[in-house]
Amino acid sequence: MSAFITMLKNVSVFVLLAVPGWLLVKTKFLKAEQSDALSKILQYVGLPFLVLNSLLGVSFDKELLQVIGIPR
């Protein structure tokens, strides 16, 4: 049951990351073509971090991000 709770938390985080982009398109503050960039950022950056976090239980702090090559 804890695996289900972990999965549910991760999916809800990903949905919460996607909602601002959806709202920006619905309010016509952002064009649909421009939202493709947000989708790709979520897909190629957010999803791998989410998978790593759920599988390894790693918290991404400043030191870890520097180790994997992401500057501050």
PDB file of N, CA and C in Angstrom:
ATOM      1  N   MET A   1       0.821  -1.202   0.000  1.00  0.00           N
ATOM      2  CA  MET A   1       0.000   0.000   0.000  1.00  0.00           C
ATOM      3  C   MET A   1       0.863   1.264   0.000  1.00  0.00           C
ATOM      4  N   SER A   2       2.054   1.204   0.593  1.00  0.00           N
ATOM      5  CA  SER A   2       2.892   2.397   0.616  1.00  0.00           C
ATOM      6  C   SER A   2       3.395   2.742  -0.791  1.00  0.00           C
ATOM      7  N   ALA A   3       3.572   1.747  -1.638  1.00  0.00           N
ATOM      8  CA  ALA A   3       3.990   2.012  -3.022  1.00  0.00           C
ATOM      9  C   ALA A   3       2.896   2.791  -3.755  1.00  0.00           C
ATOM     10  N   PHE A   4       1.651   2.461  -3.487  1.00  0.00           N
ATOM     11  CA  PHE A   4       0.534   3.169  -4.104  1.00  0.00           C
ATOM     12  C   PHE A   4       0.500   4.626  -3.637  1.00  0.00           C
ATOM     13  N   ILE A   5       0.709   4.849  -2.347  1.00  0.00           N
ATOM     14  CA  ILE A   5       0.713   6.205  -1.796  1.00  0.00           C
ATOM     15  C   ILE A   5       1.860   7.017  -2.416  1.00  0.00           C
ATOM     16  N   THR A   6       3.035   6.400  -2.547  1.00  0.00           N
ATOM     17  CA  THR A   6       4.178   7.073  -3.156  1.00  0.00           C
ATOM     18  C   THR A   6       3.873   7.438  -4.597  1.00  0.00           C
ATOM     19  N   MET A   7       3.289   6.507  -5.333  1.00  0.00           N
ATOM     20  CA  MET A   7       2.934   6.774  -6.722  1.00  0.00           C
ATOM     21  C   MET A   7       1.900   7.891  -6.805  1.00  0.00           C
ATOM     22  N   LEU A   8       0.924   7.873  -5.931  1.00  0.00           N
ATOM     23  CA  LEU A   8      -0.115   8.888  -5.930  1.00  0.00           C
ATOM     24  C   LEU A   8       0.465  10.268  -5.628  1.00  0.00           C
ATOM     25  N   LYS A   9       1.403  10.336  -4.690  1.00  0.00           N
ATOM     26  CA  LYS A   9       2.062  11.608  -4.385  1.00  0.00           C
ATOM     27  C   LYS A   9       2.843  12.115  -5.587  1.00  0.00           C
ATOM     28  N   ASN A  10       3.557  11.234  -6.256  1.00  0.00           N
ATOM     29  CA  ASN A  10       4.359  11.650  -7.413  1.00  0.00           C
ATOM     30  C   ASN A  10       3.492  12.110  -8.577  1.00  0.00           C
ATOM     31  N   VAL A  11       2.411  11.427  -8.818  1.00  0.00           N
ATOM     32  CA  VAL A  11       1.502  11.834  -9.893  1.00  0.00           C
ATOM     33  C   VAL A  11       0.868  13.179  -9.558  1.00  0.00           C
ATOM     34  N   SER A  12       0.493  13.387  -8.303  1.00  0.00           N
ATOM     35  CA  SER A  12      -0.111  14.665  -7.925  1.00  0.00           C
ATOM     36  C   SER A  12       0.886  15.810  -8.056  1.00  0.00           C
ATOM     37  N   VAL A  13       2.155  15.569  -7.748  1.00  0.00           N
ATOM     38  CA  VAL A  13       3.178  16.604  -7.942  1.00  0.00           C
ATOM     39  C   VAL A  13       3.293  16.938  -9.427  1.00  0.00           C
ATOM     40  N   PHE A  14       3.301  15.940 -10.272  1.00  0.00           N
ATOM     41  CA  PHE A  14       3.429  16.180 -11.711  1.00  0.00           C
ATOM     42  C   PHE A  14       2.211  16.939 -12.242  1.00  0.00           C
ATOM     43  N   VAL A  15       1.036  16.629 -11.735  1.00  0.00           N
ATOM     44  CA  VAL A  15      -0.174  17.352 -12.146  1.00  0.00           C
ATOM     45  C   VAL A  15      -0.093  18.803 -11.686  1.00  0.00           C
ATOM     46  N   LEU A  16       0.391  19.011 -10.465  1.00  0.00           N
ATOM     47  CA  LEU A  16       0.530  20.378  -9.961  1.00  0.00           C
ATOM     48  C   LEU A  16       1.542  21.183 -10.777  1.00  0.00           C
ATOM     49  N   LEU A  17       2.523  20.521 -11.339  1.00  0.00           N
ATOM     50  CA  LEU A  17       3.468  21.206 -12.214  1.00  0.00           C
ATOM     51  C   LEU A  17       2.844  21.541 -13.560  1.00  0.00           C
ATOM     52  N   ALA A  18       1.892  20.755 -14.014  1.00  0.00           N
ATOM     53  CA  ALA A  18       1.277  20.962 -15.321  1.00  0.00           C
ATOM     54  C   ALA A  18       0.139  21.981 -15.289  1.00  0.00           C
ATOM     55  N   VAL A  19      -0.493  22.169 -14.151  1.00  0.00           N
ATOM     56  CA  VAL A  19      -1.659  23.048 -14.047  1.00  0.00           C
ATOM     57  C   VAL A  19      -1.343  24.499 -14.426  1.00  0.00           C
ATOM     58  N   PRO A  20      -0.231  25.091 -13.972  1.00  0.00           N
ATOM     59  CA  PRO A  20       0.023  26.490 -14.377  1.00  0.00           C
ATOM     60  C   PRO A  20       0.101  26.679 -15.892  1.00  0.00           C
ATOM     61  N   GLY A  21       0.713  25.754 -16.604  1.00  0.00           N
ATOM     62  CA  GLY A  21       0.771  25.850 -18.062  1.00  0.00           C
ATOM     63  C   GLY A  21      -0.609  25.766 -18.687  1.00  0.00           C
ATOM     64  N   TRP A  22      -1.430  24.895 -18.176  1.00  0.00           N
ATOM     65  CA  TRP A  22      -2.795  24.757 -18.681  1.00  0.00           C
ATOM     66  C   TRP A  22      -3.578  26.042 -18.440  1.00  0.00           C
ATOM     67  N   LEU A  23      -3.431  26.619 -17.237  1.00  0.00           N
ATOM     68  CA  LEU A  23      -4.141  27.858 -16.926  1.00  0.00           C
ATOM     69  C   LEU A  23      -3.673  29.013 -17.805  1.00  0.00           C
ATOM     70  N   LEU A  24      -2.373  29.069 -18.076  1.00  0.00           N
ATOM     71  CA  LEU A  24      -1.856  30.134 -18.928  1.00  0.00           C
ATOM     72  C   LEU A  24      -2.409  30.049 -20.349  1.00  0.00           C
ATOM     73  N   VAL A  25      -2.596  28.839 -20.853  1.00  0.00           N
ATOM     74  CA  VAL A  25      -3.168  28.672 -22.193  1.00  0.00           C
ATOM     75  C   VAL A  25      -4.659  28.985 -22.174  1.00  0.00           C
ATOM     76  N   LYS A  26      -5.362  28.543 -21.141  1.00  0.00           N
ATOM     77  CA  LYS A  26      -6.811  28.795 -21.065  1.00  0.00           C
ATOM     78  C   LYS A  26      -7.126  30.279 -20.942  1.00  0.00           C
ATOM     79  N   THR A  27      -6.285  31.026 -20.217  1.00  0.00           N
ATOM     80  CA  THR A  27      -6.513  32.465 -20.071  1.00  0.00           C
ATOM     81  C   THR A  27      -5.935  33.264 -21.242  1.00  0.00           C
ATOM     82  N   LYS A  28      -5.372  32.543 -22.222  1.00  0.00           N
ATOM     83  CA  LYS A  28      -4.786  33.118 -23.435  1.00  0.00           C
ATOM     84  C   LYS A  28      -3.625  34.063 -23.131  1.00  0.00           C
ATOM     85  N   PHE A  29      -2.995  33.860 -21.973  1.00  0.00           N
ATOM     86  CA  PHE A  29      -1.777  34.588 -21.639  1.00  0.00           C
ATOM     87  C   PHE A  29      -0.597  33.993 -22.391  1.00  0.00           C
ATOM     88  N   LEU A  30      -0.741  32.713 -22.739  1.00  0.00           N
ATOM     89  CA  LEU A  30       0.295  31.971 -23.452  1.00  0.00           C
ATOM     90  C   LEU A  30      -0.372  31.267 -24.625  1.00  0.00           C
ATOM     91  N   LYS A  31       0.249  31.331 -25.789  1.00  0.00           N
ATOM     92  CA  LYS A  31      -0.315  30.662 -26.964  1.00  0.00           C
ATOM     93  C   LYS A  31      -0.081  29.154 -26.864  1.00  0.00           C
ATOM     94  N   ALA A  32      -0.910  28.398 -27.534  1.00  0.00           N
ATOM     95  CA  ALA A  32      -0.802  26.939 -27.496  1.00  0.00           C
ATOM     96  C   ALA A  32       0.540  26.465 -28.046  1.00  0.00           C
ATOM     97  N   GLU A  33       1.059  27.173 -29.049  1.00  0.00           N
ATOM     98  CA  GLU A  33       2.355  26.790 -29.612  1.00  0.00           C
ATOM     99  C   GLU A  33       3.476  26.980 -28.592  1.00  0.00           C
ATOM    100  N   GLN A  34       3.351  28.014 -27.769  1.00  0.00           N
ATOM    101  CA  GLN A  34       4.369  28.285 -26.754  1.00  0.00           C
ATOM    102  C   GLN A  34       4.303  27.292 -25.610  1.00  0.00           C
ATOM    103  N   SER A  35       3.156  26.711 -25.399  1.00  0.00           N
ATOM    104  CA  SER A  35       3.025  25.745 -24.311  1.00  0.00           C
ATOM    105  C   SER A  35       3.777  24.450 -24.600  1.00  0.00           C
ATOM    106  N   ASP A  36       4.117  24.232 -25.863  1.00  0.00           N
ATOM    107  CA  ASP A  36       4.911  23.047 -26.204  1.00  0.00           C
ATOM    108  C   ASP A  36       6.253  23.058 -25.479  1.00  0.00           C
ATOM    109  N   ALA A  37       6.835  24.241 -25.334  1.00  0.00           N
ATOM    110  CA  ALA A  37       8.119  24.347 -24.615  1.00  0.00           C
ATOM    111  C   ALA A  37       7.943  23.946 -23.150  1.00  0.00           C
ATOM    112  N   LEU A  38       6.860  24.383 -22.534  1.00  0.00           N
ATOM    113  CA  LEU A  38       6.605  23.992 -21.142  1.00  0.00           C
ATOM    114  C   LEU A  38       6.394  22.488 -21.024  1.00  0.00           C
ATOM    115  N   SER A  39       5.700  21.922 -21.981  1.00  0.00           N
ATOM    116  CA  SER A  39       5.467  20.481 -21.960  1.00  0.00           C
ATOM    117  C   SER A  39       6.776  19.707 -22.075  1.00  0.00           C
ATOM    118  N   LYS A  40       7.652  20.177 -22.942  1.00  0.00           N
ATOM    119  CA  LYS A  40       8.934  19.492 -23.114  1.00  0.00           C
ATOM    120  C   LYS A  40       9.809  19.624 -21.878  1.00  0.00           C
ATOM    121  N   ILE A  41       9.761  20.776 -21.223  1.00  0.00           N
ATOM    122  CA  ILE A  41      10.519  20.939 -19.981  1.00  0.00           C
ATOM    123  C   ILE A  41      10.016  19.958 -18.935  1.00  0.00           C
ATOM    124  N   LEU A  42       8.705  19.862 -18.800  1.00  0.00           N
ATOM    125  CA  LEU A  42       8.140  18.895 -17.844  1.00  0.00           C
ATOM    126  C   LEU A  42       8.529  17.478 -18.197  1.00  0.00           C
ATOM    127  N   GLN A  43       8.477  17.157 -19.478  1.00  0.00           N
ATOM    128  CA  GLN A  43       8.746  15.790 -19.912  1.00  0.00           C
ATOM    129  C   GLN A  43      10.211  15.420 -19.765  1.00  0.00           C
ATOM    130  N   TYR A  44      11.109  16.297 -20.170  1.00  0.00           N
ATOM    131  CA  TYR A  44      12.524  15.942 -20.214  1.00  0.00           C
ATOM    132  C   TYR A  44      13.302  16.322 -18.963  1.00  0.00           C
ATOM    133  N   VAL A  45      12.764  17.207 -18.141  1.00  0.00           N
ATOM    134  CA  VAL A  45      13.457  17.599 -16.915  1.00  0.00           C
ATOM    135  C   VAL A  45      12.688  17.121 -15.690  1.00  0.00           C
ATOM    136  N   GLY A  46      11.412  17.448 -15.636  1.00  0.00           N
ATOM    137  CA  GLY A  46      10.621  17.121 -14.449  1.00  0.00           C
ATOM    138  C   GLY A  46      10.407  15.635 -14.232  1.00  0.00           C
ATOM    139  N   LEU A  47      10.078  14.932 -15.282  1.00  0.00           N
ATOM    140  CA  LEU A  47       9.791  13.502 -15.156  1.00  0.00           C
ATOM    141  C   LEU A  47      10.997  12.678 -14.702  1.00  0.00           C
ATOM    142  N   PRO A  48      12.192  12.891 -15.270  1.00  0.00           N
ATOM    143  CA  PRO A  48      13.334  12.125 -14.754  1.00  0.00           C
ATOM    144  C   PRO A  48      13.632  12.393 -13.284  1.00  0.00           C
ATOM    145  N   PHE A  49      13.524  13.653 -12.850  1.00  0.00           N
ATOM    146  CA  PHE A  49      13.734  13.952 -11.437  1.00  0.00           C
ATOM    147  C   PHE A  49      12.668  13.285 -10.569  1.00  0.00           C
ATOM    148  N   LEU A  50      11.451  13.253 -11.060  1.00  0.00           N
ATOM    149  CA  LEU A  50      10.368  12.615 -10.323  1.00  0.00           C
ATOM    150  C   LEU A  50      10.613  11.118 -10.187  1.00  0.00           C
ATOM    151  N   VAL A  51      11.065  10.483 -11.255  1.00  0.00           N
ATOM    152  CA  VAL A  51      11.358   9.048 -11.226  1.00  0.00           C
ATOM    153  C   VAL A  51      12.515   8.756 -10.273  1.00  0.00           C
ATOM    154  N   LEU A  52      13.578   9.550 -10.365  1.00  0.00           N
ATOM    155  CA  LEU A  52      14.711   9.355  -9.467  1.00  0.00           C
ATOM    156  C   LEU A  52      14.303   9.540  -8.014  1.00  0.00           C
ATOM    157  N   ASN A  53      13.505  10.538  -7.760  1.00  0.00           N
ATOM    158  CA  ASN A  53      13.057  10.793  -6.401  1.00  0.00           C
ATOM    159  C   ASN A  53      12.228   9.640  -5.861  1.00  0.00           C
ATOM    160  N   SER A  54      11.349   9.097  -6.674  1.00  0.00           N
ATOM    161  CA  SER A  54      10.483   8.020  -6.190  1.00  0.00           C
ATOM    162  C   SER A  54      11.231   6.695  -6.059  1.00  0.00           C
ATOM    163  N   LEU A  55      12.166   6.418  -6.967  1.00  0.00           N
ATOM    164  CA  LEU A  55      12.881   5.145  -6.912  1.00  0.00           C
ATOM    165  C   LEU A  55      14.004   5.136  -5.886  1.00  0.00           C
ATOM    166  N   LEU A  56      14.734   6.224  -5.806  1.00  0.00           N
ATOM    167  CA  LEU A  56      15.903   6.253  -4.942  1.00  0.00           C
ATOM    168  C   LEU A  56      15.652   6.951  -3.614  1.00  0.00           C
ATOM    169  N   GLY A  57      14.590   7.698  -3.526  1.00  0.00           N
ATOM    170  CA  GLY A  57      14.321   8.445  -2.311  1.00  0.00           C
ATOM    171  C   GLY A  57      15.344   9.543  -2.084  1.00  0.00           C
ATOM    172  N   VAL A  58      15.914  10.055  -3.166  1.00  0.00           N
ATOM    173  CA  VAL A  58      16.944  11.085  -3.081  1.00  0.00           C
ATOM    174  C   VAL A  58      16.275  12.450  -3.032  1.00  0.00           C
ATOM    175  N   SER A  59      16.733  13.291  -2.120  1.00  0.00           N
ATOM    176  CA  SER A  59      16.257  14.664  -2.118  1.00  0.00           C
ATOM    177  C   SER A  59      17.288  15.518  -2.851  1.00  0.00           C
ATOM    178  N   PHE A  60      16.834  16.353  -3.730  1.00  0.00           N
ATOM    179  CA  PHE A  60      17.723  17.142  -4.576  1.00  0.00           C
ATOM    180  C   PHE A  60      18.034  18.469  -3.897  1.00  0.00           C
ATOM    181  N   ASP A  61      19.180  18.528  -3.229  1.00  0.00           N
ATOM    182  CA  ASP A  61      19.626  19.775  -2.630  1.00  0.00           C
ATOM    183  C   ASP A  61      20.700  20.407  -3.512  1.00  0.00           C
ATOM    184  N   LYS A  62      21.208  21.557  -3.105  1.00  0.00           N
ATOM    185  CA  LYS A  62      22.176  22.294  -3.934  1.00  0.00           C
ATOM    186  C   LYS A  62      23.431  21.475  -4.206  1.00  0.00           C
ATOM    187  N   GLU A  63      23.920  20.769  -3.202  1.00  0.00           N
ATOM    188  CA  GLU A  63      25.150  19.994  -3.374  1.00  0.00           C
ATOM    189  C   GLU A  63      24.975  18.865  -4.385  1.00  0.00           C
ATOM    190  N   LEU A  64      23.872  18.161  -4.309  1.00  0.00           N
ATOM    191  CA  LEU A  64      23.636  17.064  -5.242  1.00  0.00           C
ATOM    192  C   LEU A  64      23.492  17.580  -6.666  1.00  0.00           C
ATOM    193  N   LEU A  65      22.794  18.699  -6.842  1.00  0.00           N
ATOM    194  CA  LEU A  65      22.627  19.254  -8.177  1.00  0.00           C
ATOM    195  C   LEU A  65      23.972  19.676  -8.768  1.00  0.00           C
ATOM    196  N   GLN A  66      24.875  20.173  -7.937  1.00  0.00           N
ATOM    197  CA  GLN A  66      26.208  20.526  -8.427  1.00  0.00           C
ATOM    198  C   GLN A  66      26.978  19.277  -8.833  1.00  0.00           C
ATOM    199  N   VAL A  67      26.826  18.201  -8.083  1.00  0.00           N
ATOM    200  CA  VAL A  67      27.533  16.969  -8.386  1.00  0.00           C
ATOM    201  C   VAL A  67      27.095  16.406  -9.739  1.00  0.00           C
ATOM    202  N   ILE A  68      25.800  16.476 -10.052  1.00  0.00           N
ATOM    203  CA  ILE A  68      25.325  15.926 -11.315  1.00  0.00           C
ATOM    204  C   ILE A  68      25.455  16.923 -12.467  1.00  0.00           C
ATOM    205  N   GLY A  69      26.006  18.122 -12.175  1.00  0.00           N
ATOM    206  CA  GLY A  69      26.342  19.036 -13.254  1.00  0.00           C
ATOM    207  C   GLY A  69      25.369  20.150 -13.507  1.00  0.00           C
ATOM    208  N   ILE A  70      24.448  20.404 -12.606  1.00  0.00           N
ATOM    209  CA  ILE A  70      23.504  21.505 -12.776  1.00  0.00           C
ATOM    210  C   ILE A  70      23.999  22.667 -11.927  1.00  0.00           C
ATOM    211  N   PRO A  71      24.365  23.789 -12.558  1.00  0.00           N
ATOM    212  CA  PRO A  71      24.899  24.915 -11.794  1.00  0.00           C
ATOM    213  C   PRO A  71      23.831  25.592 -10.945  1.00  0.00           C
ATOM    214  N   ARG A  72      24.295  26.305  -9.944  1.00  0.00           N
ATOM    215  CA  ARG A  72      23.349  27.025  -9.064  1.00  0.00           C
ATOM    216  C   ARG A  72      22.736  28.187  -9.769  1.00  0.00           C
TER     217      ARG A  72
END
